[in-house]
Amino acid sequence: MKESLPDVLKDLRARSGMSLQQVVAAFELEQMELTKSAICNWEAGSRRPTQQNLWMLARVYECQDDERLALMDLLFKCPPSRRASAEQN
């Protein structure tokens, strides 16, 4: 996996072949709210997903267990102040 969370998220979505709308629809099936702009913000690095959203993305993108753990590791490598302000949108 790459070193930055935004790059990894972009790569995983590309690998899955899913559009932004398809990812949003997958979240809706699990009764979770998500917007296309939230995904764009995560992939651009301007915001970080919550743990719950990141775990759901890993499910949607059909990540292996080691990839899921690596994603969580990347999330927690951010400074505490950015982690505390992690937002969905």
C-alpha atoms as a PDB file:
ATOM      1  CA  MET A   1       0.000   0.000   0.000  1.00  0.00           C
ATOM      2  CA  LYS A   2       1.042   3.572  -0.575  1.00  0.00           C
ATOM      3  CA  GLU A   3       1.990   5.838   2.288  1.00  0.00           C
ATOM      4  CA  SER A   4      -0.765   8.450   2.222  1.00  0.00           C
ATOM      5  CA  LEU A   5      -4.372   7.713   3.065  1.00  0.00           C
ATOM      6  CA  PRO A   6      -5.790   9.874   0.236  1.00  0.00           C
ATOM      7  CA  ASP A   7      -3.680   8.035  -2.367  1.00  0.00           C
ATOM      8  CA  VAL A   8      -4.698   4.667  -0.971  1.00  0.00           C
ATOM      9  CA  LEU A   9      -8.387   5.611  -0.989  1.00  0.00           C
ATOM     10  CA  LYS A  10      -8.158   6.770  -4.626  1.00  0.00           C
ATOM     11  CA  ASP A  11      -6.363   3.578  -5.621  1.00  0.00           C
ATOM     12  CA  LEU A  12      -8.857   1.339  -3.836  1.00  0.00           C
ATOM     13  CA  ARG A  13     -11.823   2.998  -5.519  1.00  0.00           C
ATOM     14  CA  ALA A  14     -10.114   2.788  -8.910  1.00  0.00           C
ATOM     15  CA  ARG A  15      -9.290  -0.874  -8.296  1.00  0.00           C
ATOM     16  CA  SER A  16     -12.912  -1.560  -7.402  1.00  0.00           C
ATOM     17  CA  GLY A  17     -14.114   0.170 -10.568  1.00  0.00           C
ATOM     18  CA  MET A  18     -16.762   2.006  -8.550  1.00  0.00           C
ATOM     19  CA  SER A  19     -18.007   5.509  -9.238  1.00  0.00           C
ATOM     20  CA  LEU A  20     -18.603   7.984  -6.426  1.00  0.00           C
ATOM     21  CA  GLN A  21     -22.341   7.370  -6.757  1.00  0.00           C
ATOM     22  CA  GLN A  22     -21.866   3.607  -6.463  1.00  0.00           C
ATOM     23  CA  VAL A  23     -19.908   4.048  -3.225  1.00  0.00           C
ATOM     24  CA  VAL A  24     -22.635   6.324  -1.846  1.00  0.00           C
ATOM     25  CA  ALA A  25     -25.263   3.735  -2.824  1.00  0.00           C
ATOM     26  CA  ALA A  26     -23.309   0.982  -1.045  1.00  0.00           C
ATOM     27  CA  PHE A  27     -23.290   3.068   2.141  1.00  0.00           C
ATOM     28  CA  GLU A  28     -27.024   3.682   1.792  1.00  0.00           C
ATOM     29  CA  LEU A  29     -27.624  -0.073   1.619  1.00  0.00           C
ATOM     30  CA  GLU A  30     -26.041  -0.272   5.081  1.00  0.00           C
ATOM     31  CA  GLN A  31     -28.187   2.669   6.214  1.00  0.00           C
ATOM     32  CA  MET A  32     -25.150   4.927   6.500  1.00  0.00           C
ATOM     33  CA  GLU A  33     -25.125   8.465   5.157  1.00  0.00           C
ATOM     34  CA  LEU A  34     -22.356   9.552   2.822  1.00  0.00           C
ATOM     35  CA  THR A  35     -22.002  12.195   0.124  1.00  0.00           C
ATOM     36  CA  LYS A  36     -19.913  12.274  -3.016  1.00  0.00           C
ATOM     37  CA  SER A  37     -18.227  15.426  -1.711  1.00  0.00           C
ATOM     38  CA  ALA A  38     -17.147  13.568   1.449  1.00  0.00           C
ATOM     39  CA  ILE A  39     -15.416  10.907  -0.653  1.00  0.00           C
ATOM     40  CA  CYS A  40     -13.768  13.614  -2.774  1.00  0.00           C
ATOM     41  CA  ASN A  41     -12.547  15.382   0.375  1.00  0.00           C
ATOM     42  CA  TRP A  42     -11.087  12.144   1.729  1.00  0.00           C
ATOM     43  CA  GLU A  43      -9.372  11.363  -1.572  1.00  0.00           C
ATOM     44  CA  ALA A  44      -8.003  14.925  -1.792  1.00  0.00           C
ATOM     45  CA  GLY A  45      -6.715  14.801   1.777  1.00  0.00           C
ATOM     46  CA  SER A  46      -8.682  17.849   2.914  1.00  0.00           C
ATOM     47  CA  ARG A  47     -10.660  15.735   5.385  1.00  0.00           C
ATOM     48  CA  ARG A  48     -10.271  12.331   6.957  1.00  0.00           C
ATOM     49  CA  PRO A  49     -12.946   9.653   7.233  1.00  0.00           C
ATOM     50  CA  THR A  50     -14.096   8.465  10.616  1.00  0.00           C
ATOM     51  CA  GLN A  51     -13.036   4.990  11.708  1.00  0.00           C
ATOM     52  CA  GLN A  52     -16.513   3.694  10.963  1.00  0.00           C
ATOM     53  CA  ASN A  53     -16.541   5.189   7.466  1.00  0.00           C
ATOM     54  CA  LEU A  54     -13.051   3.913   6.726  1.00  0.00           C
ATOM     55  CA  TRP A  55     -13.994   0.406   7.839  1.00  0.00           C
ATOM     56  CA  MET A  56     -17.106   0.540   5.650  1.00  0.00           C
ATOM     57  CA  LEU A  57     -15.045   1.719   2.669  1.00  0.00           C
ATOM     58  CA  ALA A  58     -12.769  -1.267   3.194  1.00  0.00           C
ATOM     59  CA  ARG A  59     -15.838  -3.540   3.071  1.00  0.00           C
ATOM     60  CA  VAL A  60     -17.236  -1.812  -0.013  1.00  0.00           C
ATOM     61  CA  TYR A  61     -13.877  -2.053  -1.801  1.00  0.00           C
ATOM     62  CA  GLU A  62     -13.540  -5.705  -0.718  1.00  0.00           C
ATOM     63  CA  CYS A  63     -10.201  -5.179   1.023  1.00  0.00           C
ATOM     64  CA  GLN A  64      -8.360  -8.094   2.560  1.00  0.00           C
ATOM     65  CA  ASP A  65      -7.809  -8.076   6.330  1.00  0.00           C
ATOM     66  CA  ASP A  66      -4.207  -6.862   6.015  1.00  0.00           C
ATOM     67  CA  GLU A  67      -5.364  -3.965   3.813  1.00  0.00           C
ATOM     68  CA  ARG A  68      -8.027  -3.014   6.359  1.00  0.00           C
ATOM     69  CA  LEU A  69      -5.443  -2.914   9.129  1.00  0.00           C
ATOM     70  CA  ALA A  70      -3.082  -0.863   6.975  1.00  0.00           C
ATOM     71  CA  LEU A  71      -5.885   1.643   6.327  1.00  0.00           C
ATOM     72  CA  MET A  72      -6.509   2.036  10.048  1.00  0.00           C
ATOM     73  CA  ASP A  73      -2.791   2.464  10.615  1.00  0.00           C
ATOM     74  CA  LEU A  74      -2.699   5.263   8.027  1.00  0.00           C
ATOM     75  CA  LEU A  75      -5.690   6.946   9.664  1.00  0.00           C
ATOM     76  CA  PHE A  76      -3.982   6.980  13.040  1.00  0.00           C
ATOM     77  CA  LYS A  77      -0.684   8.274  11.682  1.00  0.00           C
ATOM     78  CA  CYS A  78      -2.246  11.717  11.315  1.00  0.00           C
ATOM     79  CA  PRO A  79      -1.561  14.262  14.075  1.00  0.00           C
ATOM     80  CA  PRO A  80      -4.012  14.137  17.020  1.00  0.00           C
ATOM     81  CA  SER A  81      -5.462  17.553  16.194  1.00  0.00           C
ATOM     82  CA  ARG A  82      -6.455  16.423  12.679  1.00  0.00           C
ATOM     83  CA  ARG A  83      -7.700  13.096  13.978  1.00  0.00           C
ATOM     84  CA  ALA A  84      -9.882  14.857  16.561  1.00  0.00           C
ATOM     85  CA  SER A  85     -11.458  16.934  13.807  1.00  0.00           C
ATOM     86  CA  ALA A  86     -12.129  14.007  11.496  1.00  0.00           C
ATOM     87  CA  GLU A  87     -15.420  14.649   9.795  1.00  0.00           C
ATOM     88  CA  GLN A  88     -17.721  12.729   7.548  1.00  0.00           C
ATOM     89  CA  ASN A  89     -18.167  15.597   5.066  1.00  0.00           C
END
